[in-house]
Amino acid sequence: MTIAMTKYPEFWLSVVDPLNIPSHSYFEVAFFGASNVGKSSLINAVCNQKNLAKTSKTPGRTQMLNFFTYPPQTVLVDVPGYGFANVPIEARKHWQDLLLGYLASRQANMRAYILLDSRRFLRTSDLDLLRLFQEYDTPFVFVFTKFDKLNALEQNELTQKSQEQFGQYCRVLFTSAKTKGGIDDLRRDIQNVN
C-alpha cells in the first residue's frame, strides 16, 4: 500500500477489520497499553501536535488501529487499549481479534512500545500482552508514562524492578506528555529503529 510520507506527521488511516490491516515498506512502531495510560497523548507529544491522535477523558475511546506517518520513514500505530474500558464483551472480543491480527501480520519491521503508568508498574493485563509479544517474537520497550508524578529515586526503583523481572537488557524509557519530559529520548528511540 502506498503512503504519502510528507514533511510532518499526519494521520494515515484507521482499521477496524483485521483483514484490512495494511502492508507497507516502512518501519513501524506501535503503542500498546491500558485504556487509561495515555497512548494518544503520548503520540501527540512525540509528533508535537495537539490533536493528531484523538484523546478523551473516557478510557477506551480508541477502538481501532490508527496509523500515522512519522517522517522520514516510520509509521506510528495507536493500538486500542485494554483492561479498563467500560465496553461490552463483544467490543472486547473485537479488540482482541484486531490485536492478534495485527501482531500476526507484523513479524518483521516492527517495534512495540508497551506504555505503563509510572505509579503502577505491571498489571495482569500487561503481563498477558507481554506473553503475546513472546509468542509472536515482538521486540518491545517499556515506556513509563506520567513520570512527572515520580521522584528520581522512584524512577530508579522502577528501572531496577523492570530489569530484575525481565533481564538486565530490558529497555526502559520514562515520559510525561504533560511536561514533555523524556519525549526527546522517545523520539530518538523511534528514529533509531530503522
C-alpha atoms as a PDB file:
ATOM      1  CA  MET A   1       0.000   0.000   0.000  1.00  0.00           C
ATOM      2  CA  THR A   2       1.331   3.421  -0.930  1.00  0.00           C
ATOM      3  CA  ILE A   3       1.891   6.026   1.773  1.00  0.00           C
ATOM      4  CA  ALA A   4       2.398   9.722   1.056  1.00  0.00           C
ATOM      5  CA  MET A   5       5.193  10.446   3.547  1.00  0.00           C
ATOM      6  CA  THR A   6       5.138  14.229   3.970  1.00  0.00           C
ATOM      7  CA  LYS A   7       7.399  16.556   5.924  1.00  0.00           C
ATOM      8  CA  TYR A   8       5.197  16.431   9.046  1.00  0.00           C
ATOM      9  CA  PRO A   9       3.491  13.607  10.959  1.00  0.00           C
ATOM     10  CA  GLU A  10      -0.013  13.023   9.613  1.00  0.00           C
ATOM     11  CA  PHE A  11      -2.952  10.709  10.155  1.00  0.00           C
ATOM     12  CA  TRP A  12      -2.897   7.989   7.506  1.00  0.00           C
ATOM     13  CA  LEU A  13      -5.789   5.578   8.130  1.00  0.00           C
ATOM     14  CA  SER A  14      -7.897   3.705  10.685  1.00  0.00           C
ATOM     15  CA  VAL A  15      -8.556  -0.029  10.559  1.00  0.00           C
ATOM     16  CA  VAL A  16     -11.480  -1.832  12.179  1.00  0.00           C
ATOM     17  CA  ASP A  17     -11.272  -5.191  10.398  1.00  0.00           C
ATOM     18  CA  PRO A  18      -8.134  -7.334  10.903  1.00  0.00           C
ATOM     19  CA  LEU A  19      -8.371  -8.301   7.222  1.00  0.00           C
ATOM     20  CA  ASN A  20      -7.766  -4.655   6.254  1.00  0.00           C
ATOM     21  CA  ILE A  21      -4.505  -4.181   8.147  1.00  0.00           C
ATOM     22  CA  PRO A  22      -2.211  -2.599   5.548  1.00  0.00           C
ATOM     23  CA  SER A  23       1.176  -3.759   4.410  1.00  0.00           C
ATOM     24  CA  HIS A  24       3.848  -1.213   3.531  1.00  0.00           C
ATOM     25  CA  SER A  25       7.621  -0.920   3.275  1.00  0.00           C
ATOM     26  CA  TYR A  26       8.242   1.430   6.215  1.00  0.00           C
ATOM     27  CA  PHE A  27       9.357   0.510   9.704  1.00  0.00           C
ATOM     28  CA  GLU A  28       6.535   0.602  12.221  1.00  0.00           C
ATOM     29  CA  VAL A  29       6.355   1.437  15.912  1.00  0.00           C
ATOM     30  CA  ALA A  30       3.178   0.552  17.783  1.00  0.00           C
ATOM     31  CA  PHE A  31       1.959   1.945  21.093  1.00  0.00           C
ATOM     32  CA  PHE A  32       0.245  -0.595  23.363  1.00  0.00           C
ATOM     33  CA  GLY A  33      -1.173  -0.122  26.842  1.00  0.00           C
ATOM     34  CA  ALA A  34      -4.169   0.018  29.130  1.00  0.00           C
ATOM     35  CA  SER A  35      -7.077   2.214  28.162  1.00  0.00           C
ATOM     36  CA  ASN A  36      -6.133   4.944  30.634  1.00  0.00           C
ATOM     37  CA  VAL A  37      -2.356   5.024  30.193  1.00  0.00           C
ATOM     38  CA  GLY A  38      -2.212   7.973  27.767  1.00  0.00           C
ATOM     39  CA  LYS A  39      -1.231   6.449  24.400  1.00  0.00           C
ATOM     40  CA  SER A  40      -2.886   9.124  22.264  1.00  0.00           C
ATOM     41  CA  SER A  41      -1.496  11.948  24.406  1.00  0.00           C
ATOM     42  CA  LEU A  42       1.998  10.481  24.102  1.00  0.00           C
ATOM     43  CA  ILE A  43       1.712  10.155  20.312  1.00  0.00           C
ATOM     44  CA  ASN A  44       0.620  13.795  20.143  1.00  0.00           C
ATOM     45  CA  ALA A  45       3.606  14.828  22.275  1.00  0.00           C
ATOM     46  CA  VAL A  46       6.051  12.809  20.128  1.00  0.00           C
ATOM     47  CA  CYS A  47       4.598  14.356  16.957  1.00  0.00           C
ATOM     48  CA  ASN A  48       4.481  17.825  18.545  1.00  0.00           C
ATOM     49  CA  GLN A  49       0.806  18.186  17.653  1.00  0.00           C
ATOM     50  CA  LYS A  50      -2.141  18.659  19.998  1.00  0.00           C
ATOM     51  CA  ASN A  51      -4.881  16.772  18.169  1.00  0.00           C
ATOM     52  CA  LEU A  52      -3.232  14.336  15.761  1.00  0.00           C
ATOM     53  CA  ALA A  53      -4.308  11.308  17.792  1.00  0.00           C
ATOM     54  CA  LYS A  54      -7.751  11.772  19.307  1.00  0.00           C
ATOM     55  CA  THR A  55      -7.777  11.894  23.108  1.00  0.00           C
ATOM     56  CA  SER A  56     -10.675  11.530  25.519  1.00  0.00           C
ATOM     57  CA  LYS A  57     -11.264  11.766  29.259  1.00  0.00           C
ATOM     58  CA  THR A  58     -13.180   8.477  28.951  1.00  0.00           C
ATOM     59  CA  PRO A  59     -10.849   5.431  28.763  1.00  0.00           C
ATOM     60  CA  GLY A  60     -11.310   3.069  25.827  1.00  0.00           C
ATOM     61  CA  ARG A  61     -12.270   5.541  23.086  1.00  0.00           C
ATOM     62  CA  THR A  62      -9.641   4.199  20.689  1.00  0.00           C
ATOM     63  CA  GLN A  63     -11.433   1.175  19.226  1.00  0.00           C
ATOM     64  CA  MET A  64      -9.470   0.698  16.017  1.00  0.00           C
ATOM     65  CA  LEU A  65      -5.887   0.654  14.823  1.00  0.00           C
ATOM     66  CA  ASN A  66      -4.911   4.215  13.921  1.00  0.00           C
ATOM     67  CA  PHE A  67      -1.907   4.672  11.636  1.00  0.00           C
ATOM     68  CA  PHE A  68       0.159   7.874  11.394  1.00  0.00           C
ATOM     69  CA  THR A  69       3.068   8.758   9.129  1.00  0.00           C
ATOM     70  CA  TYR A  70       6.181   9.826  11.013  1.00  0.00           C
ATOM     71  CA  PRO A  71       8.820  11.284   8.683  1.00  0.00           C
ATOM     72  CA  PRO A  72      11.251  10.484   7.352  1.00  0.00           C
ATOM     73  CA  GLN A  73      10.367   6.781   7.091  1.00  0.00           C
ATOM     74  CA  THR A  74       8.341   5.431  10.003  1.00  0.00           C
ATOM     75  CA  VAL A  75       4.693   4.646  10.692  1.00  0.00           C
ATOM     76  CA  LEU A  76       3.246   5.039  14.211  1.00  0.00           C
ATOM     77  CA  VAL A  77       0.290   2.914  15.318  1.00  0.00           C
ATOM     78  CA  ASP A  78      -2.139   3.729  18.135  1.00  0.00           C
ATOM     79  CA  VAL A  79      -3.427   0.312  19.252  1.00  0.00           C
ATOM     80  CA  PRO A  80      -6.769   0.019  21.111  1.00  0.00           C
ATOM     81  CA  GLY A  81      -6.288  -0.013  24.862  1.00  0.00           C
ATOM     82  CA  TYR A  82      -7.097  -2.908  27.137  1.00  0.00           C
ATOM     83  CA  GLY A  83      -8.103  -3.591  30.702  1.00  0.00           C
ATOM     84  CA  PHE A  84     -10.195  -0.705  31.939  1.00  0.00           C
ATOM     85  CA  ALA A  85     -12.597   0.332  29.190  1.00  0.00           C
ATOM     86  CA  ASN A  86     -16.255   0.073  30.159  1.00  0.00           C
ATOM     87  CA  VAL A  87     -17.332  -1.631  26.944  1.00  0.00           C
ATOM     88  CA  PRO A  88     -19.482  -4.648  26.020  1.00  0.00           C
ATOM     89  CA  ILE A  89     -17.913  -8.106  25.830  1.00  0.00           C
ATOM     90  CA  GLU A  90     -18.415  -8.145  22.031  1.00  0.00           C
ATOM     91  CA  ALA A  91     -16.294  -4.992  21.693  1.00  0.00           C
ATOM     92  CA  ARG A  92     -13.525  -6.517  23.820  1.00  0.00           C
ATOM     93  CA  LYS A  93     -13.575  -9.652  21.674  1.00  0.00           C
ATOM     94  CA  HIS A  94     -13.288  -7.490  18.558  1.00  0.00           C
ATOM     95  CA  TRP A  95     -10.308  -5.632  20.055  1.00  0.00           C
ATOM     96  CA  GLN A  96      -8.628  -8.947  20.842  1.00  0.00           C
ATOM     97  CA  ASP A  97      -9.151 -10.193  17.281  1.00  0.00           C
ATOM     98  CA  LEU A  98      -7.782  -6.900  15.930  1.00  0.00           C
ATOM     99  CA  LEU A  99      -4.735  -7.124  18.208  1.00  0.00           C
ATOM    100  CA  LEU A 100      -3.986 -10.748  17.268  1.00  0.00           C
ATOM    101  CA  GLY A 101      -4.468  -9.957  13.582  1.00  0.00           C
ATOM    102  CA  TYR A 102      -2.093  -7.031  13.886  1.00  0.00           C
ATOM    103  CA  LEU A 103       0.644  -8.983  15.690  1.00  0.00           C
ATOM    104  CA  ALA A 104       0.341 -11.889  13.250  1.00  0.00           C
ATOM    105  CA  SER A 105       0.802  -9.507  10.315  1.00  0.00           C
ATOM    106  CA  ARG A 106       3.863  -7.797  11.805  1.00  0.00           C
ATOM    107  CA  GLN A 107       6.540 -10.477  12.051  1.00  0.00           C
ATOM    108  CA  ALA A 108       9.265  -8.062  10.897  1.00  0.00           C
ATOM    109  CA  ASN A 109       9.962  -4.331  10.740  1.00  0.00           C
ATOM    110  CA  MET A 110       8.034  -3.526  13.906  1.00  0.00           C
ATOM    111  CA  ARG A 111       8.842  -2.482  17.464  1.00  0.00           C
ATOM    112  CA  ALA A 112       6.284  -2.318  20.246  1.00  0.00           C
ATOM    113  CA  TYR A 113       6.234   0.265  22.981  1.00  0.00           C
ATOM    114  CA  ILE A 114       4.299  -1.011  25.975  1.00  0.00           C
ATOM    115  CA  LEU A 115       3.069   2.001  27.909  1.00  0.00           C
ATOM    116  CA  LEU A 116       2.768   1.608  31.666  1.00  0.00           C
ATOM    117  CA  ASP A 117       1.551   4.098  34.247  1.00  0.00           C
ATOM    118  CA  SER A 118       4.656   5.010  36.282  1.00  0.00           C
ATOM    119  CA  ARG A 119       2.678   4.798  39.509  1.00  0.00           C
ATOM    120  CA  ARG A 120       1.554   1.185  38.988  1.00  0.00           C
ATOM    121  CA  PHE A 121       4.239  -0.949  37.264  1.00  0.00           C
ATOM    122  CA  LEU A 122       2.767  -4.114  35.675  1.00  0.00           C
ATOM    123  CA  ARG A 123      -0.795  -5.380  35.920  1.00  0.00           C
ATOM    124  CA  THR A 124      -2.232  -8.732  34.889  1.00  0.00           C
ATOM    125  CA  SER A 125      -3.402  -7.332  31.542  1.00  0.00           C
ATOM    126  CA  ASP A 126       0.128  -6.007  30.840  1.00  0.00           C
ATOM    127  CA  LEU A 127       1.605  -9.434  31.583  1.00  0.00           C
ATOM    128  CA  ASP A 128      -0.935 -11.026  29.213  1.00  0.00           C
ATOM    129  CA  LEU A 129       0.261  -8.659  26.482  1.00  0.00           C
ATOM    130  CA  LEU A 130       3.908  -9.496  27.195  1.00  0.00           C
ATOM    131  CA  ARG A 131       3.107 -13.191  26.770  1.00  0.00           C
ATOM    132  CA  LEU A 132       1.636 -12.370  23.352  1.00  0.00           C
ATOM    133  CA  PHE A 133       4.803 -10.452  22.455  1.00  0.00           C
ATOM    134  CA  GLN A 134       6.857 -13.521  23.348  1.00  0.00           C
ATOM    135  CA  GLU A 135       4.557 -15.761  21.306  1.00  0.00           C
ATOM    136  CA  TYR A 136       4.864 -13.501  18.254  1.00  0.00           C
ATOM    137  CA  ASP A 137       8.561 -12.712  18.871  1.00  0.00           C
ATOM    138  CA  THR A 138       7.763  -8.991  19.058  1.00  0.00           C
ATOM    139  CA  PRO A 139      10.601  -6.709  20.241  1.00  0.00           C
ATOM    140  CA  PHE A 140       9.403  -4.221  22.841  1.00  0.00           C
ATOM    141  CA  VAL A 141      10.458  -1.337  25.054  1.00  0.00           C
ATOM    142  CA  PHE A 142       8.811  -0.319  28.329  1.00  0.00           C
ATOM    143  CA  VAL A 143       7.654   3.306  28.281  1.00  0.00           C
ATOM    144  CA  PHE A 144       6.557   4.516  31.682  1.00  0.00           C
ATOM    145  CA  THR A 145       4.118   7.410  31.297  1.00  0.00           C
ATOM    146  CA  LYS A 146       3.223  10.202  33.732  1.00  0.00           C
ATOM    147  CA  PHE A 147       6.732  10.055  35.193  1.00  0.00           C
ATOM    148  CA  ASP A 148       6.371  13.660  36.380  1.00  0.00           C
ATOM    149  CA  LYS A 149       4.411  12.089  39.258  1.00  0.00           C
ATOM    150  CA  LEU A 150       7.597  10.278  40.499  1.00  0.00           C
ATOM    151  CA  ASN A 151      10.859  11.435  42.026  1.00  0.00           C
ATOM    152  CA  ALA A 152      14.281  10.277  40.776  1.00  0.00           C
ATOM    153  CA  LEU A 153      14.541   7.518  43.403  1.00  0.00           C
ATOM    154  CA  GLU A 154      11.171   6.067  42.391  1.00  0.00           C
ATOM    155  CA  GLN A 155      12.224   6.163  38.715  1.00  0.00           C
ATOM    156  CA  ASN A 156      15.410   4.238  39.522  1.00  0.00           C
ATOM    157  CA  GLU A 157      13.424   1.687  41.520  1.00  0.00           C
ATOM    158  CA  LEU A 158      11.101   1.146  38.550  1.00  0.00           C
ATOM    159  CA  THR A 159      14.031   0.642  36.181  1.00  0.00           C
ATOM    160  CA  GLN A 160      15.636  -1.832  38.587  1.00  0.00           C
ATOM    161  CA  LYS A 161      12.383  -3.707  39.105  1.00  0.00           C
ATOM    162  CA  SER A 162      11.863  -3.986  35.322  1.00  0.00           C
ATOM    163  CA  GLN A 163      15.387  -5.308  34.788  1.00  0.00           C
ATOM    164  CA  GLU A 164      15.089  -7.774  37.669  1.00  0.00           C
ATOM    165  CA  GLN A 165      11.865  -9.181  36.257  1.00  0.00           C
ATOM    166  CA  PHE A 166      12.732  -9.120  32.551  1.00  0.00           C
ATOM    167  CA  GLY A 167      16.523  -9.154  32.375  1.00  0.00           C
ATOM    168  CA  GLN A 168      19.287  -6.570  32.556  1.00  0.00           C
ATOM    169  CA  TYR A 169      18.884  -5.713  28.873  1.00  0.00           C
ATOM    170  CA  CYS A 170      15.265  -4.719  29.323  1.00  0.00           C
ATOM    171  CA  ARG A 171      14.932  -1.233  27.852  1.00  0.00           C
ATOM    172  CA  VAL A 172      13.035   1.356  29.875  1.00  0.00           C
ATOM    173  CA  LEU A 173      12.059   4.934  28.961  1.00  0.00           C
ATOM    174  CA  PHE A 174      10.320   7.495  31.166  1.00  0.00           C
ATOM    175  CA  THR A 175       7.981  10.066  29.627  1.00  0.00           C
ATOM    176  CA  SER A 176       5.466  12.728  30.506  1.00  0.00           C
ATOM    177  CA  ALA A 177       3.106  14.056  27.861  1.00  0.00           C
ATOM    178  CA  LYS A 178       2.200  16.828  30.302  1.00  0.00           C
ATOM    179  CA  THR A 179       5.711  18.209  30.953  1.00  0.00           C
ATOM    180  CA  LYS A 180       7.291  16.789  27.749  1.00  0.00           C
ATOM    181  CA  GLY A 181       9.923  15.100  29.917  1.00  0.00           C
ATOM    182  CA  GLY A 182      11.553  12.144  28.155  1.00  0.00           C
ATOM    183  CA  ILE A 183       9.816  12.911  24.839  1.00  0.00           C
ATOM    184  CA  ASP A 184      13.094  13.720  23.064  1.00  0.00           C
ATOM    185  CA  ASP A 185      14.509  10.373  24.277  1.00  0.00           C
ATOM    186  CA  LEU A 186      11.479   8.578  22.865  1.00  0.00           C
ATOM    187  CA  ARG A 187      11.781  10.454  19.546  1.00  0.00           C
ATOM    188  CA  ARG A 188      15.437   9.418  19.280  1.00  0.00           C
ATOM    189  CA  ASP A 189      14.492   5.828  20.054  1.00  0.00           C
ATOM    190  CA  ILE A 190      11.856   5.863  17.296  1.00  0.00           C
ATOM    191  CA  GLN A 191      14.299   7.357  14.789  1.00  0.00           C
ATOM    192  CA  ASN A 192      16.844   4.626  15.644  1.00  0.00           C
ATOM    193  CA  VAL A 193      14.529   1.730  14.792  1.00  0.00           C
ATOM    194  CA  ASN A 194      15.343   1.919  11.071  1.00  0.00           C
END
